[in-house]
């Protein structure tokens, strides 16, 4: 259990430190090319959810985030036993939800800065918390699909 909370805490700190650095050292809209034509550090603010959806709905985000965090903690304690991939996915999801919640609570907006153009596509700008959420969902899907099957094959229930 401690390792899942530890992962979440580490990623929350990494998320907040990277956002603080961007806020302190860059102006909004400023972009620094890291890998030509593919990866940039771009200072951006998002007042909504993914891709700017539900912009300005802070009360909604506060309520939903509180419910999600409580649900994830409950799930971690009641359902994850023996399923390490699910535990790590919950740690990632907690980090992502809490990281962006901190921004909304203290800044009124989320700081985004990772700007990519994979294969010429202008992907929405994101942050460490968003990466944690994305990988958390991917690992949750894999965990639900495969860990239960693997444990049944090993004789666990």
N, C-alpha and C. Protein backbone atom coordinates (compact mmCIF):
# COMPACT_ATOMS: atom_id res chain seq x y z
N UNK A 1 0.82 -1.19 0.00
CA UNK A 1 0.00 0.00 0.00
C UNK A 1 0.87 1.26 0.00
N UNK A 2 1.93 1.24 0.81
CA UNK A 2 2.80 2.41 0.92
C UNK A 2 3.43 2.78 -0.42
N UNK A 3 3.77 1.76 -1.23
CA UNK A 3 4.42 2.06 -2.50
C UNK A 3 3.48 2.78 -3.46
N UNK A 4 2.19 2.49 -3.38
CA UNK A 4 1.23 3.16 -4.27
C UNK A 4 1.03 4.61 -3.84
N UNK A 5 0.94 4.84 -2.54
CA UNK A 5 0.85 6.21 -2.04
C UNK A 5 2.17 6.95 -2.27
N UNK A 6 3.28 6.25 -2.14
CA UNK A 6 4.59 6.85 -2.38
C UNK A 6 4.73 7.31 -3.83
N UNK A 7 4.27 6.47 -4.75
CA UNK A 7 4.27 6.84 -6.17
C UNK A 7 3.44 8.10 -6.39
N UNK A 8 2.25 8.11 -5.81
CA UNK A 8 1.38 9.27 -5.95
C UNK A 8 2.04 10.53 -5.39
N UNK A 9 2.61 10.43 -4.21
CA UNK A 9 3.26 11.59 -3.59
C UNK A 9 4.43 12.08 -4.44
N UNK A 10 5.27 11.17 -4.91
CA UNK A 10 6.40 11.55 -5.75
C UNK A 10 5.92 12.30 -7.00
N UNK A 11 4.90 11.77 -7.66
CA UNK A 11 4.42 12.40 -8.89
C UNK A 11 3.71 13.72 -8.63
N UNK A 12 3.02 13.84 -7.51
CA UNK A 12 2.40 15.13 -7.15
C UNK A 12 3.49 16.17 -6.96
N UNK A 13 4.54 15.81 -6.24
CA UNK A 13 5.66 16.74 -6.03
C UNK A 13 6.34 17.10 -7.35
N UNK A 14 6.60 16.11 -8.20
CA UNK A 14 7.21 16.36 -9.50
C UNK A 14 6.33 17.28 -10.34
N UNK A 15 5.04 17.02 -10.33
CA UNK A 15 4.07 17.84 -11.07
C UNK A 15 4.11 19.28 -10.59
N UNK A 16 4.05 19.47 -9.28
CA UNK A 16 4.01 20.83 -8.74
C UNK A 16 5.33 21.57 -8.93
N UNK A 17 6.45 20.87 -8.79
CA UNK A 17 7.75 21.51 -9.00
C UNK A 17 7.91 21.94 -10.46
N UNK A 18 7.56 21.07 -11.40
CA UNK A 18 7.70 21.42 -12.81
C UNK A 18 6.78 22.59 -13.17
N UNK A 19 5.58 22.60 -12.64
CA UNK A 19 4.65 23.71 -12.90
C UNK A 19 5.19 25.00 -12.29
N UNK A 20 5.73 24.92 -11.08
CA UNK A 20 6.29 26.10 -10.42
C UNK A 20 7.43 26.68 -11.25
N UNK A 21 8.30 25.80 -11.77
CA UNK A 21 9.41 26.26 -12.60
C UNK A 21 8.89 26.98 -13.85
N UNK A 22 7.89 26.42 -14.49
CA UNK A 22 7.32 27.05 -15.69
C UNK A 22 6.73 28.41 -15.34
N UNK A 23 5.96 28.48 -14.26
CA UNK A 23 5.33 29.74 -13.85
C UNK A 23 6.39 30.80 -13.51
N UNK A 24 7.46 30.37 -12.84
CA UNK A 24 8.50 31.32 -12.40
C UNK A 24 9.44 31.77 -13.51
N UNK A 25 9.62 30.95 -14.53
CA UNK A 25 10.66 31.25 -15.52
C UNK A 25 10.15 31.58 -16.92
N UNK A 26 8.86 31.35 -17.19
CA UNK A 26 8.34 31.57 -18.54
C UNK A 26 7.12 32.47 -18.50
N UNK A 27 6.91 33.20 -19.56
CA UNK A 27 5.68 33.97 -19.71
C UNK A 27 4.66 33.09 -20.42
N UNK A 28 3.38 33.36 -20.20
CA UNK A 28 2.34 32.58 -20.85
C UNK A 28 2.48 32.73 -22.36
N UNK A 29 2.49 31.60 -23.05
CA UNK A 29 2.65 31.59 -24.49
C UNK A 29 4.09 31.39 -24.95
N UNK A 30 5.04 31.61 -24.06
CA UNK A 30 6.44 31.41 -24.41
C UNK A 30 6.70 29.94 -24.70
N UNK A 31 7.49 29.67 -25.72
CA UNK A 31 7.77 28.30 -26.12
C UNK A 31 9.27 28.11 -26.33
N UNK A 32 9.80 27.01 -25.83
CA UNK A 32 11.20 26.66 -25.98
C UNK A 32 11.27 25.33 -26.73
N UNK A 33 11.97 25.35 -27.87
CA UNK A 33 12.10 24.14 -28.67
C UNK A 33 13.10 23.19 -28.03
N UNK A 34 12.68 21.96 -27.73
CA UNK A 34 13.56 20.95 -27.15
C UNK A 34 14.03 19.96 -28.20
N UNK A 35 13.09 19.45 -29.00
CA UNK A 35 13.40 18.57 -30.13
C UNK A 35 12.73 19.20 -31.35
N UNK A 36 13.52 19.73 -32.28
CA UNK A 36 12.95 20.48 -33.40
C UNK A 36 11.80 19.77 -34.11
N UNK A 37 10.69 20.49 -34.22
CA UNK A 37 9.52 19.98 -34.93
C UNK A 37 8.73 18.94 -34.19
N UNK A 38 9.16 18.60 -32.93
CA UNK A 38 8.47 17.51 -32.24
C UNK A 38 8.13 17.81 -30.79
N UNK A 39 9.02 18.40 -30.03
CA UNK A 39 8.79 18.60 -28.60
C UNK A 39 9.21 20.01 -28.18
N UNK A 40 8.27 20.69 -27.50
CA UNK A 40 8.49 22.05 -27.03
C UNK A 40 8.06 22.17 -25.58
N UNK A 41 8.66 23.10 -24.88
CA UNK A 41 8.21 23.49 -23.55
C UNK A 41 7.45 24.80 -23.77
N UNK A 42 6.13 24.75 -23.59
CA UNK A 42 5.29 25.91 -23.87
C UNK A 42 4.45 26.23 -22.65
N UNK A 43 4.54 27.46 -22.16
CA UNK A 43 3.77 27.87 -20.98
C UNK A 43 2.34 28.17 -21.39
N UNK A 44 1.41 27.40 -20.83
CA UNK A 44 0.00 27.52 -21.19
C UNK A 44 -0.85 27.35 -19.93
N UNK A 45 -2.02 27.97 -19.89
CA UNK A 45 -2.95 27.82 -18.77
C UNK A 45 -4.28 27.30 -19.29
N UNK A 46 -4.83 26.34 -18.56
CA UNK A 46 -6.08 25.71 -18.94
C UNK A 46 -7.10 25.90 -17.81
N UNK A 47 -8.19 26.55 -18.10
CA UNK A 47 -9.23 26.78 -17.10
C UNK A 47 -10.31 25.69 -17.15
N UNK A 48 -10.09 24.67 -17.95
CA UNK A 48 -11.06 23.59 -18.08
C UNK A 48 -10.43 22.24 -17.78
N UNK A 49 -11.03 21.21 -18.35
CA UNK A 49 -10.50 19.85 -18.21
C UNK A 49 -9.69 19.53 -19.47
N UNK A 50 -9.59 18.27 -19.81
CA UNK A 50 -8.83 17.86 -20.98
C UNK A 50 -9.29 18.61 -22.22
N UNK A 51 -8.31 19.12 -22.96
CA UNK A 51 -8.57 19.87 -24.19
C UNK A 51 -9.46 21.10 -23.96
N UNK A 52 -9.44 21.64 -22.74
CA UNK A 52 -10.17 22.86 -22.43
C UNK A 52 -11.67 22.68 -22.24
N UNK A 53 -12.14 21.44 -22.17
CA UNK A 53 -13.58 21.21 -21.98
C UNK A 53 -14.03 21.72 -20.62
N UNK A 54 -15.27 22.14 -20.53
CA UNK A 54 -15.91 22.61 -19.30
C UNK A 54 -15.14 23.77 -18.66
N UNK A 55 -14.65 24.66 -19.49
CA UNK A 55 -13.87 25.80 -19.00
C UNK A 55 -14.65 26.61 -17.98
N UNK A 56 -13.99 26.93 -16.87
CA UNK A 56 -14.56 27.79 -15.84
C UNK A 56 -15.49 27.08 -14.86
N UNK A 57 -15.62 25.79 -14.93
CA UNK A 57 -16.53 25.04 -14.05
C UNK A 57 -15.80 24.53 -12.81
N UNK A 58 -15.19 25.44 -12.05
CA UNK A 58 -14.33 25.06 -10.93
C UNK A 58 -15.08 24.29 -9.83
N UNK A 59 -16.28 24.70 -9.47
CA UNK A 59 -17.02 23.99 -8.43
C UNK A 59 -17.27 22.55 -8.86
N UNK A 60 -17.63 22.37 -10.11
CA UNK A 60 -17.84 21.02 -10.65
C UNK A 60 -16.55 20.20 -10.51
N UNK A 61 -15.39 20.78 -10.89
CA UNK A 61 -14.13 20.07 -10.80
C UNK A 61 -13.77 19.72 -9.36
N UNK A 62 -14.03 20.64 -8.42
CA UNK A 62 -13.74 20.37 -7.01
C UNK A 62 -14.56 19.19 -6.52
N UNK A 63 -15.85 19.17 -6.83
CA UNK A 63 -16.74 18.09 -6.37
C UNK A 63 -16.34 16.77 -7.00
N UNK A 64 -16.15 16.77 -8.32
CA UNK A 64 -15.81 15.53 -9.01
C UNK A 64 -14.46 15.00 -8.53
N UNK A 65 -13.48 15.88 -8.37
CA UNK A 65 -12.16 15.43 -7.91
C UNK A 65 -12.24 14.83 -6.51
N UNK A 66 -12.98 15.46 -5.62
CA UNK A 66 -13.13 14.93 -4.26
C UNK A 66 -13.76 13.53 -4.30
N UNK A 67 -14.79 13.36 -5.10
CA UNK A 67 -15.45 12.05 -5.22
C UNK A 67 -14.49 11.02 -5.81
N UNK A 68 -13.76 11.40 -6.85
CA UNK A 68 -12.82 10.48 -7.50
C UNK A 68 -11.71 10.07 -6.53
N UNK A 69 -11.14 11.02 -5.81
CA UNK A 69 -10.05 10.70 -4.88
C UNK A 69 -10.55 9.76 -3.78
N UNK A 70 -11.70 10.04 -3.20
CA UNK A 70 -12.26 9.16 -2.18
C UNK A 70 -12.52 7.77 -2.76
N UNK A 71 -13.08 7.73 -3.97
CA UNK A 71 -13.34 6.45 -4.63
C UNK A 71 -12.07 5.67 -4.90
N UNK A 72 -11.03 6.35 -5.35
CA UNK A 72 -9.76 5.68 -5.62
C UNK A 72 -9.13 5.13 -4.35
N UNK A 73 -9.18 5.89 -3.27
CA UNK A 73 -8.63 5.42 -1.99
C UNK A 73 -9.41 4.21 -1.50
N UNK A 74 -10.72 4.26 -1.60
CA UNK A 74 -11.55 3.11 -1.21
C UNK A 74 -11.18 1.89 -2.06
N UNK A 75 -11.10 2.08 -3.37
CA UNK A 75 -10.76 1.00 -4.29
C UNK A 75 -9.38 0.42 -3.95
N UNK A 76 -8.43 1.29 -3.66
CA UNK A 76 -7.09 0.84 -3.32
C UNK A 76 -7.10 -0.07 -2.09
N UNK A 77 -7.87 0.30 -1.08
CA UNK A 77 -7.89 -0.47 0.16
C UNK A 77 -8.77 -1.72 0.10
N UNK A 78 -9.80 -1.70 -0.73
CA UNK A 78 -10.75 -2.81 -0.74
C UNK A 78 -10.57 -3.79 -1.90
N UNK A 79 -10.05 -3.34 -3.03
CA UNK A 79 -10.06 -4.19 -4.22
C UNK A 79 -8.70 -4.53 -4.80
N UNK A 80 -7.66 -3.83 -4.43
CA UNK A 80 -6.38 -3.96 -5.11
C UNK A 80 -5.52 -5.10 -4.57
N UNK A 81 -5.81 -5.64 -3.41
CA UNK A 81 -4.99 -6.67 -2.78
C UNK A 81 -4.52 -7.73 -3.78
N UNK A 82 -3.21 -7.84 -3.93
CA UNK A 82 -2.63 -8.86 -4.80
C UNK A 82 -2.54 -8.45 -6.25
N UNK A 83 -3.09 -7.32 -6.64
CA UNK A 83 -3.06 -6.88 -8.02
C UNK A 83 -2.18 -5.63 -8.12
N UNK A 84 -0.87 -5.84 -8.23
CA UNK A 84 0.05 -4.70 -8.15
C UNK A 84 -0.15 -3.70 -9.28
N UNK A 85 -0.45 -4.16 -10.49
CA UNK A 85 -0.64 -3.21 -11.59
C UNK A 85 -1.83 -2.29 -11.31
N UNK A 86 -2.88 -2.84 -10.73
CA UNK A 86 -4.03 -2.01 -10.34
C UNK A 86 -3.62 -1.01 -9.26
N UNK A 87 -2.79 -1.44 -8.32
CA UNK A 87 -2.32 -0.54 -7.28
C UNK A 87 -1.52 0.62 -7.85
N UNK A 88 -0.62 0.31 -8.77
CA UNK A 88 0.16 1.38 -9.40
C UNK A 88 -0.74 2.29 -10.23
N UNK A 89 -1.73 1.72 -10.89
CA UNK A 89 -2.64 2.56 -11.68
C UNK A 89 -3.41 3.51 -10.77
N UNK A 90 -3.82 3.04 -9.60
CA UNK A 90 -4.52 3.92 -8.66
C UNK A 90 -3.56 5.01 -8.16
N UNK A 91 -2.31 4.67 -7.88
CA UNK A 91 -1.33 5.68 -7.48
C UNK A 91 -1.16 6.75 -8.55
N UNK A 92 -1.09 6.34 -9.81
CA UNK A 92 -0.99 7.29 -10.91
C UNK A 92 -2.23 8.17 -11.01
N UNK A 93 -3.40 7.55 -10.90
CA UNK A 93 -4.66 8.31 -10.99
C UNK A 93 -4.79 9.31 -9.84
N UNK A 94 -4.40 8.89 -8.64
CA UNK A 94 -4.42 9.82 -7.50
C UNK A 94 -3.48 11.00 -7.76
N UNK A 95 -2.29 10.72 -8.24
CA UNK A 95 -1.33 11.79 -8.51
C UNK A 95 -1.88 12.78 -9.53
N UNK A 96 -2.44 12.27 -10.59
CA UNK A 96 -2.98 13.15 -11.63
C UNK A 96 -4.14 13.99 -11.14
N UNK A 97 -5.06 13.34 -10.46
CA UNK A 97 -6.24 14.07 -9.97
C UNK A 97 -5.84 15.13 -8.95
N UNK A 98 -4.98 14.77 -8.01
CA UNK A 98 -4.58 15.71 -6.96
C UNK A 98 -3.68 16.82 -7.53
N UNK A 99 -2.77 16.47 -8.44
CA UNK A 99 -1.88 17.47 -9.03
C UNK A 99 -2.65 18.59 -9.72
N UNK A 100 -3.62 18.23 -10.54
CA UNK A 100 -4.40 19.26 -11.23
C UNK A 100 -5.38 19.95 -10.28
N UNK A 101 -5.85 19.23 -9.26
CA UNK A 101 -6.73 19.83 -8.25
C UNK A 101 -6.00 20.96 -7.51
N UNK A 102 -4.75 20.73 -7.16
CA UNK A 102 -3.95 21.75 -6.47
C UNK A 102 -3.89 23.02 -7.32
N UNK A 103 -3.66 22.86 -8.61
CA UNK A 103 -3.62 24.02 -9.51
C UNK A 103 -4.95 24.77 -9.50
N UNK A 104 -6.03 24.03 -9.65
CA UNK A 104 -7.35 24.67 -9.70
C UNK A 104 -7.66 25.39 -8.39
N UNK A 105 -7.28 24.77 -7.29
CA UNK A 105 -7.55 25.34 -5.97
C UNK A 105 -6.74 26.62 -5.73
N UNK A 106 -5.46 26.60 -6.04
CA UNK A 106 -4.59 27.72 -5.70
C UNK A 106 -4.35 28.71 -6.83
N UNK A 107 -4.53 28.28 -8.08
CA UNK A 107 -4.29 29.18 -9.21
C UNK A 107 -5.56 29.53 -9.98
N UNK A 108 -6.60 28.72 -9.81
CA UNK A 108 -7.83 28.92 -10.58
C UNK A 108 -7.71 28.44 -12.02
N UNK A 109 -6.62 27.76 -12.33
CA UNK A 109 -6.36 27.22 -13.66
C UNK A 109 -5.25 26.19 -13.55
N UNK A 110 -5.11 25.36 -14.57
CA UNK A 110 -4.09 24.32 -14.58
C UNK A 110 -2.93 24.77 -15.47
N UNK A 111 -1.71 24.61 -14.97
CA UNK A 111 -0.51 24.95 -15.73
C UNK A 111 -0.13 23.76 -16.60
N UNK A 112 -0.09 23.99 -17.90
CA UNK A 112 0.35 22.97 -18.86
C UNK A 112 1.61 23.46 -19.54
N UNK A 113 2.46 22.53 -19.99
CA UNK A 113 3.73 22.96 -20.60
C UNK A 113 4.36 21.98 -21.56
N UNK A 114 3.95 20.73 -21.60
CA UNK A 114 4.54 19.77 -22.54
C UNK A 114 3.76 19.87 -23.84
N UNK A 115 4.45 20.31 -24.88
CA UNK A 115 3.83 20.62 -26.17
C UNK A 115 4.47 19.73 -27.22
N UNK A 116 3.71 18.79 -27.77
CA UNK A 116 4.26 17.84 -28.74
C UNK A 116 3.55 17.92 -30.08
N UNK A 117 4.28 17.52 -31.09
CA UNK A 117 3.76 17.46 -32.46
C UNK A 117 4.10 16.11 -33.07
N UNK A 118 3.58 15.02 -32.47
CA UNK A 118 3.93 13.70 -33.01
C UNK A 118 3.35 13.51 -34.41
N UNK A 119 4.20 13.12 -35.32
CA UNK A 119 3.79 12.84 -36.71
C UNK A 119 3.05 14.02 -37.33
N UNK A 120 3.46 15.23 -36.95
CA UNK A 120 2.87 16.44 -37.51
C UNK A 120 1.55 16.85 -36.88
N UNK A 121 1.04 16.09 -35.90
CA UNK A 121 -0.23 16.41 -35.23
C UNK A 121 0.04 17.32 -34.04
N UNK A 122 -0.68 18.43 -33.95
CA UNK A 122 -0.52 19.36 -32.84
C UNK A 122 -1.33 18.84 -31.65
N UNK A 123 -0.69 18.03 -30.80
CA UNK A 123 -1.34 17.42 -29.64
C UNK A 123 -1.58 18.49 -28.58
N UNK A 124 -2.70 18.43 -27.83
CA UNK A 124 -2.94 19.42 -26.78
C UNK A 124 -1.81 19.45 -25.75
N UNK A 125 -1.50 20.64 -25.27
CA UNK A 125 -0.43 20.83 -24.28
C UNK A 125 -0.86 20.19 -22.96
N UNK A 126 0.07 19.52 -22.28
CA UNK A 126 -0.27 18.80 -21.06
C UNK A 126 0.82 18.96 -20.01
N UNK A 127 0.69 18.25 -18.88
CA UNK A 127 1.63 18.36 -17.77
C UNK A 127 1.87 16.98 -17.15
N UNK A 128 2.64 16.92 -16.09
CA UNK A 128 2.97 15.65 -15.42
C UNK A 128 1.71 14.98 -14.88
N UNK A 129 0.80 15.75 -14.29
CA UNK A 129 -0.44 15.18 -13.76
C UNK A 129 -1.26 14.53 -14.88
N UNK A 130 -1.31 15.18 -16.03
CA UNK A 130 -2.03 14.61 -17.16
C UNK A 130 -1.40 13.30 -17.63
N UNK A 131 -0.06 13.26 -17.63
CA UNK A 131 0.63 12.01 -18.00
C UNK A 131 0.29 10.91 -17.00
N UNK A 132 0.27 11.25 -15.71
CA UNK A 132 -0.06 10.26 -14.69
C UNK A 132 -1.48 9.74 -14.89
N UNK A 133 -2.41 10.63 -15.18
CA UNK A 133 -3.80 10.21 -15.42
C UNK A 133 -3.88 9.28 -16.63
N UNK A 134 -3.19 9.64 -17.70
CA UNK A 134 -3.24 8.83 -18.93
C UNK A 134 -2.68 7.43 -18.68
N UNK A 135 -1.50 7.36 -18.08
CA UNK A 135 -0.91 6.05 -17.82
C UNK A 135 -1.69 5.29 -16.75
N UNK A 136 -2.29 6.00 -15.81
CA UNK A 136 -3.13 5.36 -14.81
C UNK A 136 -4.32 4.65 -15.44
N UNK A 137 -4.95 5.31 -16.39
CA UNK A 137 -6.09 4.70 -17.09
C UNK A 137 -5.63 3.50 -17.91
N UNK A 138 -4.51 3.65 -18.63
CA UNK A 138 -3.99 2.54 -19.45
C UNK A 138 -3.66 1.34 -18.56
N UNK A 139 -2.95 1.58 -17.45
CA UNK A 139 -2.61 0.47 -16.55
C UNK A 139 -3.84 -0.13 -15.88
N UNK A 140 -4.84 0.69 -15.60
CA UNK A 140 -6.08 0.18 -15.01
C UNK A 140 -6.76 -0.78 -15.98
N UNK A 141 -6.83 -0.40 -17.24
CA UNK A 141 -7.46 -1.26 -18.26
C UNK A 141 -6.68 -2.56 -18.38
N UNK A 142 -5.36 -2.47 -18.47
CA UNK A 142 -4.54 -3.68 -18.57
C UNK A 142 -4.70 -4.53 -17.32
N UNK A 143 -4.69 -3.89 -16.16
CA UNK A 143 -4.83 -4.63 -14.91
C UNK A 143 -6.15 -5.35 -14.80
N UNK A 144 -7.22 -4.67 -15.16
CA UNK A 144 -8.54 -5.29 -15.10
C UNK A 144 -8.63 -6.46 -16.08
N UNK A 145 -8.07 -6.28 -17.26
CA UNK A 145 -8.16 -7.32 -18.29
C UNK A 145 -7.25 -8.52 -18.02
N UNK A 146 -6.04 -8.28 -17.48
CA UNK A 146 -5.07 -9.35 -17.43
C UNK A 146 -4.67 -9.83 -16.04
N UNK A 147 -4.61 -8.98 -15.05
CA UNK A 147 -4.13 -9.43 -13.74
C UNK A 147 -5.07 -10.44 -13.11
N UNK A 148 -6.36 -10.24 -13.25
CA UNK A 148 -7.29 -11.21 -12.67
C UNK A 148 -7.12 -12.57 -13.33
N UNK A 149 -6.95 -12.58 -14.64
CA UNK A 149 -6.74 -13.83 -15.36
C UNK A 149 -5.43 -14.50 -14.93
N UNK A 150 -4.37 -13.72 -14.80
CA UNK A 150 -3.08 -14.28 -14.38
C UNK A 150 -3.18 -14.87 -12.97
N UNK A 151 -3.85 -14.19 -12.06
CA UNK A 151 -3.98 -14.70 -10.71
C UNK A 151 -4.84 -15.97 -10.65
N UNK A 152 -5.85 -16.07 -11.48
CA UNK A 152 -6.65 -17.30 -11.53
C UNK A 152 -5.80 -18.46 -12.04
N UNK A 153 -4.96 -18.19 -13.04
CA UNK A 153 -4.09 -19.23 -13.58
C UNK A 153 -3.06 -19.69 -12.55
N UNK A 154 -2.67 -18.80 -11.63
CA UNK A 154 -1.71 -19.14 -10.57
C UNK A 154 -2.40 -19.76 -9.37
N UNK A 155 -3.70 -19.88 -9.41
CA UNK A 155 -4.41 -20.49 -8.29
C UNK A 155 -4.89 -19.54 -7.25
N UNK A 156 -4.80 -18.23 -7.50
CA UNK A 156 -5.33 -17.24 -6.55
C UNK A 156 -6.74 -16.87 -6.96
N UNK A 157 -7.48 -16.35 -6.02
CA UNK A 157 -8.85 -15.91 -6.35
C UNK A 157 -8.93 -14.41 -6.30
